[in-house]
Each structure stands twice: as C-alpha cells, then as structure tokens.
Amino acid sequence: MRFLMKISLPVETANKAIQSDGLAVIPKILNQVKPEAAYFGTDKGQRTAFLVVNMDKGSELPALAEPWFLALNALIEITPVMVAEDLASAAPSIEQAVKDFSCTTAQG
C-alpha cells in the first residue's frame, strides 16, 4: 500500500546539519527507504521532504521513520494515498458507502 510521508526538519536542526555536512545522511536514508518518489521543498517554514513509499505491514513503519527521527530530529506525517488506478478500483465500494451511509440534509 502506498503512503505519503511528509518529513519536516526543524529549522535549527536543519541549519546545523547543513553547516556540518549533516545533510549527507539524506541520500543514505533514501537508499535504505527506497521511496517510489522523493520531492524536497518547504512547508510551513521548514525544509520538508515528501516521499511516496510502499508498506505492506505496520511493522515496516519504524524502518521508514526512525532514520529521520534519529538523524535529523524530524517531524513525520504518514498518509495513505492512491494512484488513479487504485481509485478506479475503489469506485464500487465508494458507491456502496454512499448508498449505505449518506445523510440527507433537512431543508427548512
């Protein structure tokens, strides 16, 4: 299953890492994590990485997150995501949920 990992680096930690070549650890982590895609930018004023990773079992989470926590004091958010084909495959279950659980709003 695909997940989007948002990895935010606290400004002070990232600044120190840049000044001491500590960001050299990022390629090492990426080589271990093997993301499907990796993007880098800023979010809410912090240097941020956005990774698409695959995880079949929850027990795989520490291997994905711990390197970032330990090396860069990162804040991590993980969100399940789908590609278009996954969404198309999910359409019947979405339609069934709409039938079973949609609320009608009272007008008045």
PDB file of N, CA and C in Angstrom:
ATOM      1  N   MET A   1       0.843  -1.167   0.000  1.00  0.00           N
ATOM      2  CA  MET A   1       0.000   0.000   0.000  1.00  0.00           C
ATOM      3  C   MET A   1       0.892   1.236   0.000  1.00  0.00           C
ATOM      4  N   ARG A   2       0.475   2.241  -0.745  1.00  0.00           N
ATOM      5  CA  ARG A   2       1.268   3.469  -0.838  1.00  0.00           C
ATOM      6  C   ARG A   2       0.925   4.431   0.295  1.00  0.00           C
ATOM      7  N   PHE A   3       1.964   5.119   0.752  1.00  0.00           N
ATOM      8  CA  PHE A   3       1.806   6.146   1.772  1.00  0.00           C
ATOM      9  C   PHE A   3       2.622   7.361   1.360  1.00  0.00           C
ATOM     10  N   LEU A   4       2.101   8.536   1.686  1.00  0.00           N
ATOM     11  CA  LEU A   4       2.851   9.771   1.518  1.00  0.00           C
ATOM     12  C   LEU A   4       3.455  10.111   2.866  1.00  0.00           C
ATOM     13  N   MET A   5       4.771  10.175   2.905  1.00  0.00           N
ATOM     14  CA  MET A   5       5.476  10.593   4.119  1.00  0.00           C
ATOM     15  C   MET A   5       5.867  12.054   3.957  1.00  0.00           C
ATOM     16  N   LYS A   6       5.447  12.871   4.904  1.00  0.00           N
ATOM     17  CA  LYS A   6       5.889  14.263   4.937  1.00  0.00           C
ATOM     18  C   LYS A   6       6.876  14.364   6.085  1.00  0.00           C
ATOM     19  N   ILE A   7       8.109  14.683   5.755  1.00  0.00           N
ATOM     20  CA  ILE A   7       9.195  14.713   6.727  1.00  0.00           C
ATOM     21  C   ILE A   7       9.665  16.157   6.857  1.00  0.00           C
ATOM     22  N   SER A   8       9.350  16.773   7.979  1.00  0.00           N
ATOM     23  CA  SER A   8       9.704  18.175   8.202  1.00  0.00           C
ATOM     24  C   SER A   8      10.890  18.258   9.154  1.00  0.00           C
ATOM     25  N   LEU A   9      11.859  19.068   8.769  1.00  0.00           N
ATOM     26  CA  LEU A   9      13.071  19.233   9.574  1.00  0.00           C
ATOM     27  C   LEU A   9      12.999  20.558  10.327  1.00  0.00           C
ATOM     28  N   PRO A  10      13.103  20.537  11.645  1.00  0.00           N
ATOM     29  CA  PRO A  10      13.125  21.785  12.394  1.00  0.00           C
ATOM     30  C   PRO A  10      14.244  22.689  11.859  1.00  0.00           C
ATOM     31  N   VAL A  11      13.960  23.974  11.754  1.00  0.00           N
ATOM     32  CA  VAL A  11      14.901  24.912  11.131  1.00  0.00           C
ATOM     33  C   VAL A  11      16.277  24.849  11.788  1.00  0.00           C
ATOM     34  N   GLU A  12      16.330  24.907  13.104  1.00  0.00           N
ATOM     35  CA  GLU A  12      17.627  24.919  13.791  1.00  0.00           C
ATOM     36  C   GLU A  12      18.406  23.632  13.519  1.00  0.00           C
ATOM     37  N   THR A  13      17.728  22.496  13.585  1.00  0.00           N
ATOM     38  CA  THR A  13      18.382  21.209  13.326  1.00  0.00           C
ATOM     39  C   THR A  13      18.903  21.152  11.898  1.00  0.00           C
ATOM     40  N   ALA A  14      18.081  21.583  10.942  1.00  0.00           N
ATOM     41  CA  ALA A  14      18.495  21.553   9.536  1.00  0.00           C
ATOM     42  C   ALA A  14      19.645  22.524   9.288  1.00  0.00           C
ATOM     43  N   ASN A  15      19.597  23.702   9.902  1.00  0.00           N
ATOM     44  CA  ASN A  15      20.694  24.660   9.737  1.00  0.00           C
ATOM     45  C   ASN A  15      22.012  24.072  10.228  1.00  0.00           C
ATOM     46  N   LYS A  16      21.987  23.448  11.401  1.00  0.00           N
ATOM     47  CA  LYS A  16      23.207  22.831  11.932  1.00  0.00           C
ATOM     48  C   LYS A  16      23.683  21.706  11.022  1.00  0.00           C
ATOM     49  N   ALA A  17      22.746  20.922  10.505  1.00  0.00           N
ATOM     50  CA  ALA A  17      23.112  19.815   9.614  1.00  0.00           C
ATOM     51  C   ALA A  17      23.762  20.339   8.339  1.00  0.00           C
ATOM     52  N   ILE A  18      23.214  21.403   7.784  1.00  0.00           N
ATOM     53  CA  ILE A  18      23.782  21.981   6.561  1.00  0.00           C
ATOM     54  C   ILE A  18      25.197  22.490   6.827  1.00  0.00           C
ATOM     55  N   GLN A  19      25.392  23.162   7.944  1.00  0.00           N
ATOM     56  CA  GLN A  19      26.693  23.737   8.260  1.00  0.00           C
ATOM     57  C   GLN A  19      27.749  22.681   8.553  1.00  0.00           C
ATOM     58  N   SER A  20      27.326  21.488   8.959  1.00  0.00           N
ATOM     59  CA  SER A  20      28.301  20.444   9.298  1.00  0.00           C
ATOM     60  C   SER A  20      28.253  19.264   8.331  1.00  0.00           C
ATOM     61  N   ASP A  21      27.676  19.467   7.154  1.00  0.00           N
ATOM     62  CA  ASP A  21      27.527  18.409   6.144  1.00  0.00           C
ATOM     63  C   ASP A  21      26.651  17.265   6.649  1.00  0.00           C
ATOM     64  N   GLY A  22      25.808  17.563   7.631  1.00  0.00           N
ATOM     65  CA  GLY A  22      24.920  16.543   8.177  1.00  0.00           C
ATOM     66  C   GLY A  22      23.810  16.119   7.235  1.00  0.00           C
ATOM     67  N   LEU A  23      23.541  16.932   6.207  1.00  0.00           N
ATOM     68  CA  LEU A  23      22.505  16.548   5.245  1.00  0.00           C
ATOM     69  C   LEU A  23      22.981  15.440   4.316  1.00  0.00           C
ATOM     70  N   ALA A  24      24.251  15.089   4.405  1.00  0.00           N
ATOM     71  CA  ALA A  24      24.761  13.966   3.606  1.00  0.00           C
ATOM     72  C   ALA A  24      24.081  12.665   4.012  1.00  0.00           C
ATOM     73  N   VAL A  25      23.427  12.671   5.165  1.00  0.00           N
ATOM     74  CA  VAL A  25      22.719  11.471   5.618  1.00  0.00           C
ATOM     75  C   VAL A  25      21.451  11.230   4.785  1.00  0.00           C
ATOM     76  N   ILE A  26      20.926  12.251   4.140  1.00  0.00           N
ATOM     77  CA  ILE A  26      19.674  12.092   3.385  1.00  0.00           C
ATOM     78  C   ILE A  26      19.802  11.056   2.276  1.00  0.00           C
ATOM     79  N   PRO A  27      20.824  11.108   1.420  1.00  0.00           N
ATOM     80  CA  PRO A  27      20.938  10.049   0.405  1.00  0.00           C
ATOM     81  C   PRO A  27      21.062   8.653   1.018  1.00  0.00           C
ATOM     82  N   LYS A  28      21.730   8.562   2.158  1.00  0.00           N
ATOM     83  CA  LYS A  28      21.859   7.266   2.834  1.00  0.00           C
ATOM     84  C   LYS A  28      20.488   6.752   3.279  1.00  0.00           C
ATOM     85  N   ILE A  29      19.679   7.641   3.856  1.00  0.00           N
ATOM     86  CA  ILE A  29      18.329   7.248   4.280  1.00  0.00           C
ATOM     87  C   ILE A  29      17.493   6.861   3.063  1.00  0.00           C
ATOM     88  N   LEU A  30      17.553   7.660   2.010  1.00  0.00           N
ATOM     89  CA  LEU A  30      16.766   7.362   0.809  1.00  0.00           C
ATOM     90  C   LEU A  30      17.157   6.016   0.213  1.00  0.00           C
ATOM     91  N   ASN A  31      18.434   5.705   0.240  1.00  0.00           N
ATOM     92  CA  ASN A  31      18.898   4.418  -0.275  1.00  0.00           C
ATOM     93  C   ASN A  31      18.326   3.259   0.540  1.00  0.00           C
ATOM     94  N   GLN A  32      18.171   3.469   1.834  1.00  0.00           N
ATOM     95  CA  GLN A  32      17.610   2.431   2.707  1.00  0.00           C
ATOM     96  C   GLN A  32      16.090   2.335   2.553  1.00  0.00           C
ATOM     97  N   VAL A  33      15.411   3.479   2.501  1.00  0.00           N
ATOM     98  CA  VAL A  33      13.948   3.527   2.457  1.00  0.00           C
ATOM     99  C   VAL A  33      13.413   3.156   1.071  1.00  0.00           C
ATOM    100  N   LYS A  34      14.160   3.483   0.036  1.00  0.00           N
ATOM    101  CA  LYS A  34      13.793   3.194  -1.349  1.00  0.00           C
ATOM    102  C   LYS A  34      12.390   3.697  -1.701  1.00  0.00           C
ATOM    103  N   PRO A  35      12.176   5.017  -1.642  1.00  0.00           N
ATOM    104  CA  PRO A  35      10.854   5.548  -1.972  1.00  0.00           C
ATOM    105  C   PRO A  35      10.545   5.397  -3.460  1.00  0.00           C
ATOM    106  N   GLU A  36       9.261   5.320  -3.760  1.00  0.00           N
ATOM    107  CA  GLU A  36       8.806   5.309  -5.153  1.00  0.00           C
ATOM    108  C   GLU A  36       9.088   6.667  -5.792  1.00  0.00           C
ATOM    109  N   ALA A  37       8.960   7.722  -4.996  1.00  0.00           N
ATOM    110  CA  ALA A  37       9.242   9.087  -5.451  1.00  0.00           C
ATOM    111  C   ALA A  37       9.695   9.901  -4.243  1.00  0.00           C
ATOM    112  N   ALA A  38      10.533  10.906  -4.491  1.00  0.00           N
ATOM    113  CA  ALA A  38      11.011  11.788  -3.423  1.00  0.00           C
ATOM    114  C   ALA A  38      11.056  13.220  -3.949  1.00  0.00           C
ATOM    115  N   TYR A  39      10.453  14.123  -3.198  1.00  0.00           N
ATOM    116  CA  TYR A  39      10.426  15.537  -3.557  1.00  0.00           C
ATOM    117  C   TYR A  39      10.863  16.331  -2.336  1.00  0.00           C
ATOM    118  N   PHE A  40      11.500  17.472  -2.575  1.00  0.00           N
ATOM    119  CA  PHE A  40      12.006  18.292  -1.486  1.00  0.00           C
ATOM    120  C   PHE A  40      11.565  19.727  -1.698  1.00  0.00           C
ATOM    121  N   GLY A  41      11.167  20.377  -0.612  1.00  0.00           N
ATOM    122  CA  GLY A  41      10.721  21.762  -0.685  1.00  0.00           C
ATOM    123  C   GLY A  41      10.584  22.310   0.720  1.00  0.00           C
ATOM    124  N   THR A  42       9.664  23.252   0.871  1.00  0.00           N
ATOM    125  CA  THR A  42       9.389  23.805   2.189  1.00  0.00           C
ATOM    126  C   THR A  42       7.905  23.664   2.490  1.00  0.00           C
ATOM    127  N   ASP A  43       7.592  23.569   3.759  1.00  0.00           N
ATOM    128  CA  ASP A  43       6.207  23.535   4.213  1.00  0.00           C
ATOM    129  C   ASP A  43       6.167  24.183   5.587  1.00  0.00           C
ATOM    130  N   LYS A  44       5.327  25.187   5.727  1.00  0.00           N
ATOM    131  CA  LYS A  44       5.181  25.903   6.999  1.00  0.00           C
ATOM    132  C   LYS A  44       6.529  26.382   7.530  1.00  0.00           C
ATOM    133  N   GLY A  45       7.378  26.858   6.631  1.00  0.00           N
ATOM    134  CA  GLY A  45       8.654  27.438   7.022  1.00  0.00           C
ATOM    135  C   GLY A  45       9.755  26.449   7.367  1.00  0.00           C
ATOM    136  N   GLN A  46       9.527  25.169   7.108  1.00  0.00           N
ATOM    137  CA  GLN A  46      10.549  24.164   7.407  1.00  0.00           C
ATOM    138  C   GLN A  46      10.963  23.439   6.136  1.00  0.00           C
ATOM    139  N   ARG A  47      12.232  23.046   6.074  1.00  0.00           N
ATOM    140  CA  ARG A  47      12.684  22.187   4.986  1.00  0.00           C
ATOM    141  C   ARG A  47      11.928  20.871   5.102  1.00  0.00           C
ATOM    142  N   THR A  48      11.382  20.415   3.987  1.00  0.00           N
ATOM    143  CA  THR A  48      10.480  19.262   4.037  1.00  0.00           C
ATOM    144  C   THR A  48      10.735  18.325   2.876  1.00  0.00           C
ATOM    145  N   ALA A  49      10.681  17.041   3.166  1.00  0.00           N
ATOM    146  CA  ALA A  49      10.747  16.003   2.131  1.00  0.00           C
ATOM    147  C   ALA A  49       9.369  15.366   2.034  1.00  0.00           C
ATOM    148  N   PHE A  50       8.966  15.056   0.811  1.00  0.00           N
ATOM    149  CA  PHE A  50       7.718  14.353   0.556  1.00  0.00           C
ATOM    150  C   PHE A  50       8.090  13.063  -0.161  1.00  0.00           C
ATOM    151  N   LEU A  51       7.855  11.934   0.488  1.00  0.00           N
ATOM    152  CA  LEU A  51       8.214  10.643  -0.095  1.00  0.00           C
ATOM    153  C   LEU A  51       6.966   9.812  -0.313  1.00  0.00           C
ATOM    154  N   VAL A  52       6.917   9.104  -1.427  1.00  0.00           N
ATOM    155  CA  VAL A  52       5.892   8.092  -1.645  1.00  0.00           C
ATOM    156  C   VAL A  52       6.574   6.757  -1.394  1.00  0.00           C
ATOM    157  N   VAL A  53       6.057   6.024  -0.403  1.00  0.00           N
ATOM    158  CA  VAL A  53       6.655   4.744  -0.013  1.00  0.00           C
ATOM    159  C   VAL A  53       5.591   3.654  -0.040  1.00  0.00           C
ATOM    160  N   ASN A  54       6.041   2.425  -0.146  1.00  0.00           N
ATOM    161  CA  ASN A  54       5.143   1.276  -0.076  1.00  0.00           C
ATOM    162  C   ASN A  54       5.365   0.567   1.248  1.00  0.00           C
ATOM    163  N   MET A  55       4.258   0.182   1.880  1.00  0.00           N
ATOM    164  CA  MET A  55       4.334  -0.517   3.153  1.00  0.00           C
ATOM    165  C   MET A  55       3.206  -1.547   3.175  1.00  0.00           C
ATOM    166  N   ASP A  56       3.566  -2.808   3.346  1.00  0.00           N
ATOM    167  CA  ASP A  56       2.569  -3.876   3.403  1.00  0.00           C
ATOM    168  C   ASP A  56       2.099  -4.155   4.823  1.00  0.00           C
ATOM    169  N   LYS A  57       2.971  -3.910   5.805  1.00  0.00           N
ATOM    170  CA  LYS A  57       2.647  -4.199   7.203  1.00  0.00           C
ATOM    171  C   LYS A  57       3.054  -3.016   8.069  1.00  0.00           C
ATOM    172  N   GLY A  58       2.286  -2.795   9.120  1.00  0.00           N
ATOM    173  CA  GLY A  58       2.602  -1.714  10.045  1.00  0.00           C
ATOM    174  C   GLY A  58       3.970  -1.855  10.680  1.00  0.00           C
ATOM    175  N   SER A  59       4.443  -3.080  10.781  1.00  0.00           N
ATOM    176  CA  SER A  59       5.754  -3.309  11.397  1.00  0.00           C
ATOM    177  C   SER A  59       6.898  -2.741  10.554  1.00  0.00           C
ATOM    178  N   GLU A  60       6.603  -2.333   9.319  1.00  0.00           N
ATOM    179  CA  GLU A  60       7.626  -1.720   8.462  1.00  0.00           C
ATOM    180  C   GLU A  60       7.818  -0.239   8.774  1.00  0.00           C
ATOM    181  N   LEU A  61       6.898   0.348   9.520  1.00  0.00           N
ATOM    182  CA  LEU A  61       6.945   1.780   9.799  1.00  0.00           C
ATOM    183  C   LEU A  61       8.233   2.236  10.478  1.00  0.00           C
ATOM    184  N   PRO A  62       8.721   1.551  11.519  1.00  0.00           N
ATOM    185  CA  PRO A  62       9.962   2.026  12.142  1.00  0.00           C
ATOM    186  C   PRO A  62      11.142   2.126  11.174  1.00  0.00           C
ATOM    187  N   ALA A  63      11.260   1.193  10.250  1.00  0.00           N
ATOM    188  CA  ALA A  63      12.372   1.246   9.293  1.00  0.00           C
ATOM    189  C   ALA A  63      12.270   2.469   8.389  1.00  0.00           C
ATOM    190  N   LEU A  64      11.052   2.954   8.166  1.00  0.00           N
ATOM    191  CA  LEU A  64      10.859   4.145   7.337  1.00  0.00           C
ATOM    192  C   LEU A  64      11.058   5.436   8.125  1.00  0.00           C
ATOM    193  N   ALA A  65      10.623   5.447   9.377  1.00  0.00           N
ATOM    194  CA  ALA A  65      10.608   6.689  10.147  1.00  0.00           C
ATOM    195  C   ALA A  65      11.831   6.915  11.033  1.00  0.00           C
ATOM    196  N   GLU A  66      12.329   5.865  11.668  1.00  0.00           N
ATOM    197  CA  GLU A  66      13.397   6.046  12.655  1.00  0.00           C
ATOM    198  C   GLU A  66      14.648   6.737  12.113  1.00  0.00           C
ATOM    199  N   PRO A  67      15.100   6.430  10.893  1.00  0.00           N
ATOM    200  CA  PRO A  67      16.291   7.142  10.417  1.00  0.00           C
ATOM    201  C   PRO A  67      16.111   8.663  10.418  1.00  0.00           C
ATOM    202  N   TRP A  68      14.920   9.122  10.053  1.00  0.00           N
ATOM    203  CA  TRP A  68      14.648  10.565  10.030  1.00  0.00           C
ATOM    204  C   TRP A  68      14.591  11.134  11.443  1.00  0.00           C
ATOM    205  N   PHE A  69      13.937  10.409  12.352  1.00  0.00           N
ATOM    206  CA  PHE A  69      13.881  10.862  13.747  1.00  0.00           C
ATOM    207  C   PHE A  69      15.285  10.967  14.338  1.00  0.00           C
ATOM    208  N   LEU A  70      16.064   9.907  14.187  1.00  0.00           N
ATOM    209  CA  LEU A  70      17.369   9.823  14.840  1.00  0.00           C
ATOM    210  C   LEU A  70      18.403  10.761  14.232  1.00  0.00           C
ATOM    211  N   ALA A  71      18.441  10.843  12.906  1.00  0.00           N
ATOM    212  CA  ALA A  71      19.486  11.632  12.249  1.00  0.00           C
ATOM    213  C   ALA A  71      19.172  13.121  12.189  1.00  0.00           C
ATOM    214  N   LEU A  72      17.880  13.475  12.067  1.00  0.00           N
ATOM    215  CA  LEU A  72      17.541  14.870  11.790  1.00  0.00           C
ATOM    216  C   LEU A  72      16.428  15.433  12.671  1.00  0.00           C
ATOM    217  N   ASN A  73      16.047  14.710  13.723  1.00  0.00           N
ATOM    218  CA  ASN A  73      15.025  15.205  14.646  1.00  0.00           C
ATOM    219  C   ASN A  73      13.743  15.601  13.905  1.00  0.00           C
ATOM    220  N   ALA A  74      13.379  14.840  12.899  1.00  0.00           N
ATOM    221  CA  ALA A  74      12.279  15.192  12.005  1.00  0.00           C
ATOM    222  C   ALA A  74      10.908  14.995  12.637  1.00  0.00           C
ATOM    223  N   LEU A  75       9.971  15.761  12.125  1.00  0.00           N
ATOM    224  CA  LEU A  75       8.550  15.560  12.398  1.00  0.00           C
ATOM    225  C   LEU A  75       8.003  14.814  11.189  1.00  0.00           C
ATOM    226  N   ILE A  76       7.242  13.749  11.412  1.00  0.00           N
ATOM    227  CA  ILE A  76       6.793  12.907  10.302  1.00  0.00           C
ATOM    228  C   ILE A  76       5.284  12.738  10.345  1.00  0.00           C
ATOM    229  N   GLU A  77       4.671  12.918   9.183  1.00  0.00           N
ATOM    230  CA  GLU A  77       3.256  12.609   8.995  1.00  0.00           C
ATOM    231  C   GLU A  77       3.173  11.566   7.893  1.00  0.00           C
ATOM    232  N   ILE A  78       2.333  10.558   8.092  1.00  0.00           N
ATOM    233  CA  ILE A  78       2.187   9.497   7.094  1.00  0.00           C
ATOM    234  C   ILE A  78       0.706   9.362   6.757  1.00  0.00           C
ATOM    235  N   THR A  79       0.404   9.446   5.458  1.00  0.00           N
ATOM    236  CA  THR A  79      -0.974   9.409   4.982  1.00  0.00           C
ATOM    237  C   THR A  79      -1.114   8.356   3.898  1.00  0.00           C
ATOM    238  N   PRO A  80      -2.111   7.463   4.003  1.00  0.00           N
ATOM    239  CA  PRO A  80      -2.335   6.515   2.905  1.00  0.00           C
ATOM    240  C   PRO A  80      -2.773   7.281   1.660  1.00  0.00           C
ATOM    241  N   VAL A  81      -2.257   6.878   0.503  1.00  0.00           N
ATOM    242  CA  VAL A  81      -2.615   7.525  -0.759  1.00  0.00           C
ATOM    243  C   VAL A  81      -2.870   6.477  -1.837  1.00  0.00           C
ATOM    244  N   MET A  82      -3.538   6.917  -2.909  1.00  0.00           N
ATOM    245  CA  MET A  82      -3.845   6.029  -4.029  1.00  0.00           C
ATOM    246  C   MET A  82      -3.420   6.681  -5.332  1.00  0.00           C
ATOM    247  N   VAL A  83      -3.086   5.858  -6.304  1.00  0.00           N
ATOM    248  CA  VAL A  83      -2.920   6.331  -7.674  1.00  0.00           C
ATOM    249  C   VAL A  83      -4.287   6.223  -8.339  1.00  0.00           C
ATOM    250  N   ALA A  84      -4.419   6.777  -9.539  1.00  0.00           N
ATOM    251  CA  ALA A  84      -5.713   6.800 -10.225  1.00  0.00           C
ATOM    252  C   ALA A  84      -6.303   5.402 -10.398  1.00  0.00           C
ATOM    253  N   GLU A  85      -5.470   4.424 -10.690  1.00  0.00           N
ATOM    254  CA  GLU A  85      -5.961   3.055 -10.879  1.00  0.00           C
ATOM    255  C   GLU A  85      -6.550   2.496  -9.586  1.00  0.00           C
ATOM    256  N   ASP A  86      -5.923   2.812  -8.449  1.00  0.00           N
ATOM    257  CA  ASP A  86      -6.452   2.376  -7.153  1.00  0.00           C
ATOM    258  C   ASP A  86      -7.820   3.007  -6.898  1.00  0.00           C
ATOM    259  N   LEU A  87      -7.932   4.291  -7.214  1.00  0.00           N
ATOM    260  CA  LEU A  87      -9.201   4.990  -7.017  1.00  0.00           C
ATOM    261  C   LEU A  87     -10.295   4.380  -7.884  1.00  0.00           C
ATOM    262  N   ALA A  88      -9.956   4.064  -9.134  1.00  0.00           N
ATOM    263  CA  ALA A  88     -10.933   3.432 -10.027  1.00  0.00           C
ATOM    264  C   ALA A  88     -11.372   2.078  -9.472  1.00  0.00           C
ATOM    265  N   SER A  89     -10.449   1.315  -8.936  1.00  0.00           N
ATOM    266  CA  SER A  89     -10.782   0.014  -8.349  1.00  0.00           C
ATOM    267  C   SER A  89     -11.659   0.165  -7.107  1.00  0.00           C
ATOM    268  N   ALA A  90     -11.514   1.278  -6.416  1.00  0.00           N
ATOM    269  CA  ALA A  90     -12.282   1.513  -5.194  1.00  0.00           C
ATOM    270  C   ALA A  90     -13.686   2.041  -5.470  1.00  0.00           C
ATOM    271  N   ALA A  91     -13.968   2.433  -6.698  1.00  0.00           N
ATOM    272  CA  ALA A  91     -15.253   3.061  -7.024  1.00  0.00           C
ATOM    273  C   ALA A  91     -16.460   2.262  -6.546  1.00  0.00           C
ATOM    274  N   PRO A  92     -16.525   0.944  -6.759  1.00  0.00           N
ATOM    275  CA  PRO A  92     -17.710   0.212  -6.288  1.00  0.00           C
ATOM    276  C   PRO A  92     -17.914   0.310  -4.770  1.00  0.00           C
ATOM    277  N   SER A  93     -16.848   0.242  -3.998  1.00  0.00           N
ATOM    278  CA  SER A  93     -17.018   0.328  -2.544  1.00  0.00           C
ATOM    279  C   SER A  93     -17.393   1.745  -2.116  1.00  0.00           C
ATOM    280  N   ILE A  94     -16.902   2.743  -2.830  1.00  0.00           N
ATOM    281  CA  ILE A  94     -17.292   4.125  -2.532  1.00  0.00           C
ATOM    282  C   ILE A  94     -18.774   4.311  -2.829  1.00  0.00           C
ATOM    283  N   GLU A  95     -19.212   3.808  -3.987  1.00  0.00           N
ATOM    284  CA  GLU A  95     -20.626   3.919  -4.357  1.00  0.00           C
ATOM    285  C   GLU A  95     -21.511   3.204  -3.339  1.00  0.00           C
ATOM    286  N   GLN A  96     -21.076   2.050  -2.857  1.00  0.00           N
ATOM    287  CA  GLN A  96     -21.860   1.320  -1.858  1.00  0.00           C
ATOM    288  C   GLN A  96     -21.934   2.099  -0.551  1.00  0.00           C
ATOM    289  N   ALA A  97     -20.827   2.709  -0.152  1.00  0.00           N
ATOM    290  CA  ALA A  97     -20.828   3.515   1.069  1.00  0.00           C
ATOM    291  C   ALA A  97     -21.779   4.699   0.935  1.00  0.00           C
ATOM    292  N   VAL A  98     -21.817   5.306  -0.245  1.00  0.00           N
ATOM    293  CA  VAL A  98     -22.745   6.419  -0.483  1.00  0.00           C
ATOM    294  C   VAL A  98     -24.180   5.939  -0.288  1.00  0.00           C
ATOM    295  N   LYS A  99     -24.504   4.777  -0.833  1.00  0.00           N
ATOM    296  CA  LYS A  99     -25.862   4.227  -0.697  1.00  0.00           C
ATOM    297  C   LYS A  99     -26.184   3.905   0.757  1.00  0.00           C
ATOM    298  N   ASP A 100     -25.224   3.323   1.463  1.00  0.00           N
ATOM    299  CA  ASP A 100     -25.474   2.853   2.824  1.00  0.00           C
ATOM    300  C   ASP A 100     -25.416   3.940   3.896  1.00  0.00           C
ATOM    301  N   PHE A 101     -24.607   4.967   3.668  1.00  0.00           N
ATOM    302  CA  PHE A 101     -24.332   5.887   4.767  1.00  0.00           C
ATOM    303  C   PHE A 101     -24.545   7.362   4.473  1.00  0.00           C
ATOM    304  N   SER A 102     -25.015   7.735   3.295  1.00  0.00           N
ATOM    305  CA  SER A 102     -25.212   9.153   3.001  1.00  0.00           C
ATOM    306  C   SER A 102     -26.306   9.730   3.878  1.00  0.00           C
ATOM    307  N   CYS A 103     -26.046  10.910   4.390  1.00  0.00           N
ATOM    308  CA  CYS A 103     -27.037  11.624   5.188  1.00  0.00           C
ATOM    309  C   CYS A 103     -27.760  12.599   4.279  1.00  0.00           C
ATOM    310  N   THR A 104     -29.027  12.724   4.476  1.00  0.00           N
ATOM    311  CA  THR A 104     -29.769  13.743   3.735  1.00  0.00           C
ATOM    312  C   THR A 104     -29.918  14.938   4.651  1.00  0.00           C
ATOM    313  N   THR A 105     -29.692  16.096   4.112  1.00  0.00           N
ATOM    314  CA  THR A 105     -29.780  17.318   4.894  1.00  0.00           C
ATOM    315  C   THR A 105     -31.210  17.831   4.832  1.00  0.00           C
ATOM    316  N   ALA A 106     -31.778  18.092   5.980  1.00  0.00           N
ATOM    317  CA  ALA A 106     -33.148  18.620   6.031  1.00  0.00           C
ATOM    318  C   ALA A 106     -33.142  20.065   5.555  1.00  0.00           C
ATOM    319  N   GLN A 107     -34.037  20.384   4.696  1.00  0.00           N
ATOM    320  CA  GLN A 107     -34.182  21.751   4.200  1.00  0.00           C
ATOM    321  C   GLN A 107     -35.245  22.445   5.043  1.00  0.00           C
ATOM    322  N   GLY A 108     -34.980  23.622   5.439  1.00  0.00           N
ATOM    323  CA  GLY A 108     -36.074  24.218   6.133  1.00  0.00           C
ATOM    324  C   GLY A 108     -35.762  25.409   6.849  1.00  0.00           C
TER     325      GLY A 108
END
